[in-house]
Amino acid sequence: MRVRTTIQKWGNSLALRLTGPLRSIPHFEENMLVEIDVDEHSIQVYPVATKKPPRFKEKDLLQGLTAKTSHANEVFYPTLKELGE
């Protein structure tokens, strides 16, 4: 898709406004972190992949956990060889 727009002055800088399909097709949102590739002929803007919030909270996962149910007696102790030393 190709869109024609105008570069505008914004303070002491130049700016492109991302409206309509320019923001909705790549799913750009306010305050989204992006990476920009620049060469002599173009600028490409990519959203930065962010971590999704965890599905479970730690306190919920640990609820009801005891030494017996956690198999605390089966603790693994790696050897130096297994650690690459």
C-alpha atoms as a PDB file:
ATOM      1  CA  MET A   1       0.000   0.000   0.000  1.00  0.00           C
ATOM      2  CA  ARG A   2       1.238   3.486  -0.742  1.00  0.00           C
ATOM      3  CA  VAL A   3       0.050   6.612   1.080  1.00  0.00           C
ATOM      4  CA  ARG A   4       0.952  10.200   0.257  1.00  0.00           C
ATOM      5  CA  THR A   5       1.415  12.605   3.160  1.00  0.00           C
ATOM      6  CA  THR A   6       3.348  15.746   4.030  1.00  0.00           C
ATOM      7  CA  ILE A   7       6.365  16.162   6.306  1.00  0.00           C
ATOM      8  CA  GLN A   8       5.498  18.901   8.795  1.00  0.00           C
ATOM      9  CA  LYS A   9       7.460  21.044  11.203  1.00  0.00           C
ATOM     10  CA  TRP A  10       7.018  20.056  14.863  1.00  0.00           C
ATOM     11  CA  GLY A  11       8.967  22.338  17.192  1.00  0.00           C
ATOM     12  CA  ASN A  12      12.545  22.330  15.867  1.00  0.00           C
ATOM     13  CA  SER A  13      12.026  18.920  14.203  1.00  0.00           C
ATOM     14  CA  LEU A  14      10.301  17.463  11.183  1.00  0.00           C
ATOM     15  CA  ALA A  15       7.466  14.969  11.692  1.00  0.00           C
ATOM     16  CA  LEU A  16       5.198  12.552   9.886  1.00  0.00           C
ATOM     17  CA  ARG A  17       1.782  11.986  11.423  1.00  0.00           C
ATOM     18  CA  LEU A  18       0.711   8.358  11.514  1.00  0.00           C
ATOM     19  CA  THR A  19      -3.019   8.429  10.851  1.00  0.00           C
ATOM     20  CA  GLY A  20      -5.535   5.877   9.627  1.00  0.00           C
ATOM     21  CA  PRO A  21      -3.898   2.941   7.836  1.00  0.00           C
ATOM     22  CA  LEU A  22      -0.385   4.230   8.614  1.00  0.00           C
ATOM     23  CA  ARG A  23      -0.920   3.310  12.256  1.00  0.00           C
ATOM     24  CA  SER A  24      -3.662   0.679  12.140  1.00  0.00           C
ATOM     25  CA  ILE A  25      -2.167  -1.739   9.595  1.00  0.00           C
ATOM     26  CA  PRO A  26       1.167  -2.168  11.434  1.00  0.00           C
ATOM     27  CA  HIS A  27      -0.754  -1.939  14.758  1.00  0.00           C
ATOM     28  CA  PHE A  28       1.179   1.086  16.033  1.00  0.00           C
ATOM     29  CA  GLU A  29      -0.042   2.434  19.370  1.00  0.00           C
ATOM     30  CA  GLU A  30       0.759   5.469  21.499  1.00  0.00           C
ATOM     31  CA  ASN A  31       4.078   5.132  23.392  1.00  0.00           C
ATOM     32  CA  MET A  32       4.988   1.960  21.457  1.00  0.00           C
ATOM     33  CA  LEU A  33       8.718   1.284  21.229  1.00  0.00           C
ATOM     34  CA  VAL A  34       9.893   1.101  17.585  1.00  0.00           C
ATOM     35  CA  GLU A  35      13.126   0.532  15.678  1.00  0.00           C
ATOM     36  CA  ILE A  36      13.925   2.620  12.623  1.00  0.00           C
ATOM     37  CA  ASP A  37      16.106   1.541   9.684  1.00  0.00           C
ATOM     38  CA  VAL A  38      17.421   4.456   7.626  1.00  0.00           C
ATOM     39  CA  ASP A  39      19.301   4.477   4.323  1.00  0.00           C
ATOM     40  CA  GLU A  40      19.807   7.089   1.586  1.00  0.00           C
ATOM     41  CA  HIS A  41      16.375   6.492   0.047  1.00  0.00           C
ATOM     42  CA  SER A  42      14.013   5.304   2.755  1.00  0.00           C
ATOM     43  CA  ILE A  43      12.982   5.013   6.371  1.00  0.00           C
ATOM     44  CA  GLN A  44      11.419   1.804   7.708  1.00  0.00           C
ATOM     45  CA  VAL A  45       9.752   1.660  11.111  1.00  0.00           C
ATOM     46  CA  TYR A  46       9.261  -1.639  12.967  1.00  0.00           C
ATOM     47  CA  PRO A  47       7.491  -2.296  16.267  1.00  0.00           C
ATOM     48  CA  VAL A  48       9.842  -3.744  18.880  1.00  0.00           C
ATOM     49  CA  ALA A  49       8.664  -7.094  20.180  1.00  0.00           C
ATOM     50  CA  THR A  50       7.893  -6.830  23.856  1.00  0.00           C
ATOM     51  CA  LYS A  51       7.423  -9.508  26.456  1.00  0.00           C
ATOM     52  CA  LYS A  52       3.849 -10.447  27.152  1.00  0.00           C
ATOM     53  CA  PRO A  53       2.787 -10.245  30.788  1.00  0.00           C
ATOM     54  CA  PRO A  54       2.871 -13.608  32.561  1.00  0.00           C
ATOM     55  CA  ARG A  55      -0.342 -15.618  32.398  1.00  0.00           C
ATOM     56  CA  PHE A  56      -0.076 -16.621  36.056  1.00  0.00           C
ATOM     57  CA  LYS A  57       0.986 -14.740  39.140  1.00  0.00           C
ATOM     58  CA  GLU A  58       3.761 -16.252  41.241  1.00  0.00           C
ATOM     59  CA  LYS A  59       1.655 -16.165  44.402  1.00  0.00           C
ATOM     60  CA  ASP A  60      -1.065 -18.195  42.669  1.00  0.00           C
ATOM     61  CA  LEU A  61       1.448 -20.785  41.445  1.00  0.00           C
ATOM     62  CA  LEU A  62       2.955 -21.177  44.928  1.00  0.00           C
ATOM     63  CA  GLN A  63      -0.389 -21.357  46.727  1.00  0.00           C
ATOM     64  CA  GLY A  64      -0.642 -24.616  48.682  1.00  0.00           C
ATOM     65  CA  LEU A  65       2.984 -25.570  47.994  1.00  0.00           C
ATOM     66  CA  THR A  66       4.706 -27.389  50.857  1.00  0.00           C
ATOM     67  CA  ALA A  67       8.098 -29.082  51.233  1.00  0.00           C
ATOM     68  CA  LYS A  68       6.372 -32.394  50.500  1.00  0.00           C
ATOM     69  CA  THR A  69       4.448 -31.253  47.407  1.00  0.00           C
ATOM     70  CA  SER A  70       7.489 -29.387  46.062  1.00  0.00           C
ATOM     71  CA  HIS A  71       9.626 -32.577  46.293  1.00  0.00           C
ATOM     72  CA  ALA A  72      12.236 -30.611  48.275  1.00  0.00           C
ATOM     73  CA  ASN A  73      13.933 -33.902  49.153  1.00  0.00           C
ATOM     74  CA  GLU A  74      14.755 -34.408  45.476  1.00  0.00           C
ATOM     75  CA  VAL A  75      16.989 -31.360  45.028  1.00  0.00           C
ATOM     76  CA  PHE A  76      19.392 -31.668  42.108  1.00  0.00           C
ATOM     77  CA  TYR A  77      23.055 -30.802  42.693  1.00  0.00           C
ATOM     78  CA  PRO A  78      24.937 -30.555  39.356  1.00  0.00           C
ATOM     79  CA  THR A  79      28.547 -31.666  39.143  1.00  0.00           C
ATOM     80  CA  LEU A  80      31.308 -29.336  37.959  1.00  0.00           C
ATOM     81  CA  LYS A  81      31.487 -31.353  34.723  1.00  0.00           C
ATOM     82  CA  GLU A  82      27.781 -30.771  34.100  1.00  0.00           C
ATOM     83  CA  LEU A  83      28.322 -27.040  34.633  1.00  0.00           C
ATOM     84  CA  GLY A  84      31.127 -27.017  32.058  1.00  0.00           C
ATOM     85  CA  GLU A  85      33.929 -26.368  34.506  1.00  0.00           C
END
